[in-house]
C-alpha atoms as a PDB file:
ATOM      1  CA  UNK A   1      72.168 -50.518   1.363  1.00  0.00           C
ATOM      2  CA  UNK A   2      68.777 -52.200   1.026  1.00  0.00           C
ATOM      3  CA  UNK A   3      66.801 -51.615  -2.153  1.00  0.00           C
ATOM      4  CA  UNK A   4      63.609 -49.638  -1.631  1.00  0.00           C
ATOM      5  CA  UNK A   5      60.652 -51.731  -2.724  1.00  0.00           C
ATOM      6  CA  UNK A   6      57.779 -50.011  -0.927  1.00  0.00           C
ATOM      7  CA  UNK A   7      56.449 -46.499  -1.450  1.00  0.00           C
ATOM      8  CA  UNK A   8      53.927 -44.961   0.928  1.00  0.00           C
ATOM      9  CA  UNK A   9      52.345 -41.684  -0.181  1.00  0.00           C
ATOM     10  CA  UNK A  10      51.092 -39.499   2.689  1.00  0.00           C
ATOM     11  CA  UNK A  11      48.777 -36.599   1.909  1.00  0.00           C
ATOM     12  CA  UNK A  12      45.205 -35.330   2.020  1.00  0.00           C
ATOM     13  CA  UNK A  13      42.963 -33.494  -0.421  1.00  0.00           C
ATOM     14  CA  UNK A  14      44.617 -32.719  -3.752  1.00  0.00           C
ATOM     15  CA  UNK A  15      47.923 -34.012  -2.406  1.00  0.00           C
ATOM     16  CA  UNK A  16      46.348 -37.459  -2.072  1.00  0.00           C
ATOM     17  CA  UNK A  17      43.419 -37.718  -4.438  1.00  0.00           C
ATOM     18  CA  UNK A  18      45.376 -37.044  -7.630  1.00  0.00           C
ATOM     19  CA  UNK A  19      47.987 -39.629  -6.699  1.00  0.00           C
ATOM     20  CA  UNK A  20      45.419 -42.261  -5.696  1.00  0.00           C
ATOM     21  CA  UNK A  21      43.195 -41.780  -8.750  1.00  0.00           C
ATOM     22  CA  UNK A  22      46.177 -41.533 -11.076  1.00  0.00           C
ATOM     23  CA  UNK A  23      47.683 -44.702  -9.687  1.00  0.00           C
ATOM     24  CA  UNK A  24      44.372 -46.552  -9.939  1.00  0.00           C
ATOM     25  CA  UNK A  25      43.940 -45.433 -13.549  1.00  0.00           C
ATOM     26  CA  UNK A  26      47.392 -46.572 -14.681  1.00  0.00           C
ATOM     27  CA  UNK A  27      48.157 -49.428 -12.273  1.00  0.00           C
ATOM     28  CA  UNK A  28      48.227 -51.852 -15.185  1.00  0.00           C
ATOM     29  CA  UNK A  29      51.591 -50.262 -16.077  1.00  0.00           C
ATOM     30  CA  UNK A  30      52.974 -50.318 -12.534  1.00  0.00           C
ATOM     31  CA  UNK A  31      56.249 -51.869 -11.536  1.00  0.00           C
ATOM     32  CA  UNK A  32      55.135 -55.243 -10.165  1.00  0.00           C
ATOM     33  CA  UNK A  33      58.227 -55.725  -8.004  1.00  0.00           C
ATOM     34  CA  UNK A  34      57.243 -52.742  -5.874  1.00  0.00           C
ATOM     35  CA  UNK A  35      54.411 -52.051  -3.426  1.00  0.00           C
ATOM     36  CA  UNK A  36      52.568 -48.719  -3.463  1.00  0.00           C
ATOM     37  CA  UNK A  37      50.299 -47.537  -0.670  1.00  0.00           C
ATOM     38  CA  UNK A  38      48.396 -44.309  -0.064  1.00  0.00           C
ATOM     39  CA  UNK A  39      47.575 -43.050   3.418  1.00  0.00           C
ATOM     40  CA  UNK A  40      45.246 -40.077   3.524  1.00  0.00           C
ATOM     41  CA  UNK A  41      43.042 -40.466   6.596  1.00  0.00           C
ATOM     42  CA  UNK A  42      44.056 -39.145   9.995  1.00  0.00           C
ATOM     43  CA  UNK A  43      42.433 -42.211  11.591  1.00  0.00           C
ATOM     44  CA  UNK A  44      45.389 -44.295  12.781  1.00  0.00           C
ATOM     45  CA  UNK A  45      43.851 -47.426  11.265  1.00  0.00           C
ATOM     46  CA  UNK A  46      44.629 -46.108   7.775  1.00  0.00           C
ATOM     47  CA  UNK A  47      48.309 -45.750   8.643  1.00  0.00           C
ATOM     48  CA  UNK A  48      48.479 -49.132  10.392  1.00  0.00           C
ATOM     49  CA  UNK A  49      46.866 -50.865   7.405  1.00  0.00           C
ATOM     50  CA  UNK A  50      49.063 -48.946   4.975  1.00  0.00           C
ATOM     51  CA  UNK A  51      52.259 -50.170   6.642  1.00  0.00           C
ATOM     52  CA  UNK A  52      51.228 -53.438   8.326  1.00  0.00           C
ATOM     53  CA  UNK A  53      53.334 -55.815   6.225  1.00  0.00           C
ATOM     54  CA  UNK A  54      56.125 -53.478   5.117  1.00  0.00           C
ATOM     55  CA  UNK A  55      59.784 -53.579   6.102  1.00  0.00           C
ATOM     56  CA  UNK A  56      61.019 -50.127   7.212  1.00  0.00           C
ATOM     57  CA  UNK A  57      64.425 -50.789   5.606  1.00  0.00           C
ATOM     58  CA  UNK A  58      62.714 -51.149   2.208  1.00  0.00           C
ATOM     59  CA  UNK A  59      60.165 -48.328   2.559  1.00  0.00           C
ATOM     60  CA  UNK A  60      60.181 -44.805   1.142  1.00  0.00           C
ATOM     61  CA  UNK A  61      57.674 -42.279   2.485  1.00  0.00           C
ATOM     62  CA  UNK A  62      56.583 -39.428   0.227  1.00  0.00           C
ATOM     63  CA  UNK A  63      55.027 -36.668   2.297  1.00  0.00           C
ATOM     64  CA  UNK A  64      52.849 -34.545   0.017  1.00  0.00           C
ATOM     65  CA  UNK A  65      51.740 -31.234   1.479  1.00  0.00           C
ATOM     66  CA  UNK A  66      51.814 -27.946  -0.376  1.00  0.00           C
ATOM     67  CA  UNK A  67      52.173 -25.929   2.842  1.00  0.00           C
ATOM     68  CA  UNK A  68      53.683 -28.670   5.005  1.00  0.00           C
ATOM     69  CA  UNK A  69      51.355 -27.476   7.751  1.00  0.00           C
ATOM     70  CA  UNK A  70      48.282 -29.644   7.089  1.00  0.00           C
ATOM     71  CA  UNK A  71      47.403 -31.276  10.415  1.00  0.00           C
ATOM     72  CA  UNK A  72      46.240 -34.602   8.965  1.00  0.00           C
ATOM     73  CA  UNK A  73      49.290 -35.016   6.751  1.00  0.00           C
ATOM     74  CA  UNK A  74      51.744 -34.033   9.475  1.00  0.00           C
ATOM     75  CA  UNK A  75      50.018 -36.373  11.951  1.00  0.00           C
ATOM     76  CA  UNK A  76      50.546 -39.240   9.501  1.00  0.00           C
ATOM     77  CA  UNK A  77      54.095 -38.046   8.735  1.00  0.00           C
ATOM     78  CA  UNK A  78      55.015 -38.143  12.429  1.00  0.00           C
ATOM     79  CA  UNK A  79      53.394 -41.576  12.757  1.00  0.00           C
ATOM     80  CA  UNK A  80      55.480 -42.724   9.775  1.00  0.00           C
ATOM     81  CA  UNK A  81      58.645 -41.304  11.294  1.00  0.00           C
ATOM     82  CA  UNK A  82      57.936 -43.045  14.627  1.00  0.00           C
ATOM     83  CA  UNK A  83      57.097 -46.328  12.831  1.00  0.00           C
ATOM     84  CA  UNK A  84      60.271 -46.075  10.782  1.00  0.00           C
ATOM     85  CA  UNK A  85      62.504 -45.284  13.761  1.00  0.00           C
ATOM     86  CA  UNK A  86      61.035 -48.161  15.818  1.00  0.00           C
ATOM     87  CA  UNK A  87      61.646 -50.539  12.928  1.00  0.00           C
ATOM     88  CA  UNK A  88      65.120 -49.299  12.036  1.00  0.00           C
ATOM     89  CA  UNK A  89      66.719 -49.237  15.455  1.00  0.00           C
ATOM     90  CA  UNK A  90      66.159 -45.503  16.043  1.00  0.00           C
ATOM     91  CA  UNK A  91      68.555 -44.545  13.242  1.00  0.00           C
ATOM     92  CA  UNK A  92      67.789 -40.816  12.853  1.00  0.00           C
ATOM     93  CA  UNK A  93      70.292 -40.538   9.983  1.00  0.00           C
ATOM     94  CA  UNK A  94      68.309 -43.099   7.989  1.00  0.00           C
ATOM     95  CA  UNK A  95      65.273 -40.797   7.969  1.00  0.00           C
ATOM     96  CA  UNK A  96      67.010 -38.764   5.261  1.00  0.00           C
ATOM     97  CA  UNK A  97      67.201 -41.867   3.061  1.00  0.00           C
ATOM     98  CA  UNK A  98      63.607 -42.980   3.592  1.00  0.00           C
ATOM     99  CA  UNK A  99      61.592 -39.743   3.568  1.00  0.00           C
ATOM    100  CA  UNK A 100      61.094 -37.213   0.800  1.00  0.00           C
ATOM    101  CA  UNK A 101      58.738 -34.263   0.637  1.00  0.00           C
ATOM    102  CA  UNK A 102      56.624 -32.724  -2.079  1.00  0.00           C
ATOM    103  CA  UNK A 103      55.958 -29.188  -0.890  1.00  0.00           C
ATOM    104  CA  UNK A 104      56.379 -25.461  -1.390  1.00  0.00           C
ATOM    105  CA  UNK A 105      57.550 -24.976   2.225  1.00  0.00           C
ATOM    106  CA  UNK A 106      61.292 -25.648   2.405  1.00  0.00           C
ATOM    107  CA  UNK A 107      61.531 -24.406   5.998  1.00  0.00           C
ATOM    108  CA  UNK A 108      58.771 -26.758   7.186  1.00  0.00           C
ATOM    109  CA  UNK A 109      60.320 -29.702   5.359  1.00  0.00           C
ATOM    110  CA  UNK A 110      63.714 -29.064   6.972  1.00  0.00           C
ATOM    111  CA  UNK A 111      62.107 -28.599  10.403  1.00  0.00           C
ATOM    112  CA  UNK A 112      60.497 -32.031  10.037  1.00  0.00           C
ATOM    113  CA  UNK A 113      63.952 -33.513   9.408  1.00  0.00           C
ATOM    114  CA  UNK A 114      63.956 -33.982   5.650  1.00  0.00           C
ATOM    115  CA  UNK A 115      66.961 -32.618   3.783  1.00  0.00           C
ATOM    116  CA  UNK A 116      65.948 -29.862   1.347  1.00  0.00           C
ATOM    117  CA  UNK A 117      67.778 -31.867  -1.344  1.00  0.00           C
ATOM    118  CA  UNK A 118      65.041 -34.496  -0.869  1.00  0.00           C
ATOM    119  CA  UNK A 119      62.238 -32.023  -1.457  1.00  0.00           C
ATOM    120  CA  UNK A 120      60.354 -31.872  -4.728  1.00  0.00           C
ATOM    121  CA  UNK A 121      58.997 -28.361  -5.035  1.00  0.00           C
ATOM    122  CA  UNK A 122      56.293 -26.931  -7.227  1.00  0.00           C
ATOM    123  CA  UNK A 123      54.603 -23.603  -7.725  1.00  0.00           C
ATOM    124  CA  UNK A 124      52.336 -22.491  -4.887  1.00  0.00           C
ATOM    125  CA  UNK A 125      49.513 -21.771  -7.357  1.00  0.00           C
ATOM    126  CA  UNK A 126      49.307 -25.421  -8.451  1.00  0.00           C
ATOM    127  CA  UNK A 127      46.148 -27.104  -7.246  1.00  0.00           C
ATOM    128  CA  UNK A 128      43.051 -29.003  -8.237  1.00  0.00           C
ATOM    129  CA  UNK A 129      43.257 -30.963 -11.496  1.00  0.00           C
ATOM    130  CA  UNK A 130      46.872 -29.862 -11.984  1.00  0.00           C
ATOM    131  CA  UNK A 131      48.214 -31.359  -8.748  1.00  0.00           C
ATOM    132  CA  UNK A 132      48.769 -34.765 -10.315  1.00  0.00           C
ATOM    133  CA  UNK A 133      50.867 -33.395 -13.144  1.00  0.00           C
ATOM    134  CA  UNK A 134      53.117 -31.548 -10.692  1.00  0.00           C
ATOM    135  CA  UNK A 135      55.555 -33.116  -8.251  1.00  0.00           C
ATOM    136  CA  UNK A 136      52.462 -34.379  -6.369  1.00  0.00           C
ATOM    137  CA  UNK A 137      52.447 -37.137  -9.031  1.00  0.00           C
ATOM    138  CA  UNK A 138      55.825 -38.440  -7.793  1.00  0.00           C
ATOM    139  CA  UNK A 139      54.383 -41.679  -6.400  1.00  0.00           C
ATOM    140  CA  UNK A 140      52.518 -42.327  -9.664  1.00  0.00           C
ATOM    141  CA  UNK A 141      55.702 -41.649 -11.634  1.00  0.00           C
ATOM    142  CA  UNK A 142      57.647 -44.085  -9.450  1.00  0.00           C
ATOM    143  CA  UNK A 143      54.904 -46.677  -9.920  1.00  0.00           C
ATOM    144  CA  UNK A 144      54.743 -46.566 -13.717  1.00  0.00           C
ATOM    145  CA  UNK A 145      58.224 -45.287 -14.576  1.00  0.00           C
ATOM    146  CA  UNK A 146      59.371 -42.007 -16.058  1.00  0.00           C
ATOM    147  CA  UNK A 147      58.600 -42.936 -19.675  1.00  0.00           C
ATOM    148  CA  UNK A 148      55.005 -43.922 -18.966  1.00  0.00           C
ATOM    149  CA  UNK A 149      54.523 -40.877 -16.743  1.00  0.00           C
ATOM    150  CA  UNK A 150      55.836 -38.628 -19.530  1.00  0.00           C
ATOM    151  CA  UNK A 151      53.414 -40.295 -21.964  1.00  0.00           C
ATOM    152  CA  UNK A 152      50.572 -39.593 -19.526  1.00  0.00           C
ATOM    153  CA  UNK A 153      51.644 -35.943 -19.236  1.00  0.00           C
ATOM    154  CA  UNK A 154      51.803 -35.729 -23.031  1.00  0.00           C
ATOM    155  CA  UNK A 155      48.225 -37.030 -23.134  1.00  0.00           C
ATOM    156  CA  UNK A 156      47.156 -34.388 -20.592  1.00  0.00           C
ATOM    157  CA  UNK A 157      48.801 -31.736 -22.738  1.00  0.00           C
ATOM    158  CA  UNK A 158      47.107 -33.006 -25.894  1.00  0.00           C
ATOM    159  CA  UNK A 159      43.697 -32.823 -24.202  1.00  0.00           C
ATOM    160  CA  UNK A 160      44.425 -29.336 -22.837  1.00  0.00           C
ATOM    161  CA  UNK A 161      45.334 -28.187 -26.348  1.00  0.00           C
ATOM    162  CA  UNK A 162      42.238 -29.850 -27.779  1.00  0.00           C
ATOM    163  CA  UNK A 163      39.933 -28.042 -25.349  1.00  0.00           C
ATOM    164  CA  UNK A 164      41.771 -24.777 -25.891  1.00  0.00           C
ATOM    165  CA  UNK A 165      41.804 -24.883 -29.688  1.00  0.00           C
ATOM    166  CA  UNK A 166      38.851 -26.896 -30.976  1.00  0.00           C
ATOM    167  CA  UNK A 167      35.584 -24.977 -31.405  1.00  0.00           C
ATOM    168  CA  UNK A 168      32.950 -25.939 -28.842  1.00  0.00           C
ATOM    169  CA  UNK A 169      30.543 -27.132 -31.524  1.00  0.00           C
END
């Protein structure tokens, strides 16, 4: 029943970099009433600093892992789960309301304890520059709102069309 006001994005590589850079580039448009954090290092200090002043009851974790097998991401995901359960009175049922996944591995997501209905899938061939415009950009979309995110995607599309259609000269 508590409004979610904190979003913590967990991921490494393309599952983190696109979200972090995208957020930094458009943070002027972010929802000021919310807090957004990005944890991408397996060093426990990154997780501790990323959650140090957050209330578990108001925190949503977005676990971004294409394969949902990446050791660093899953290490942070389990740390997040433990942190959340310690702070929420060990309410396992609440995990489903505070964790979502961005992945192509439904089985791995379910095994972790996230309902498949809370999984944002994308094509397994998505990677590199395109990660941010896929579901990997979920944290950025939450930060700036759907309309601003759509405008950003429209800008990406316009640039793609420009490079595809305008002569090199």
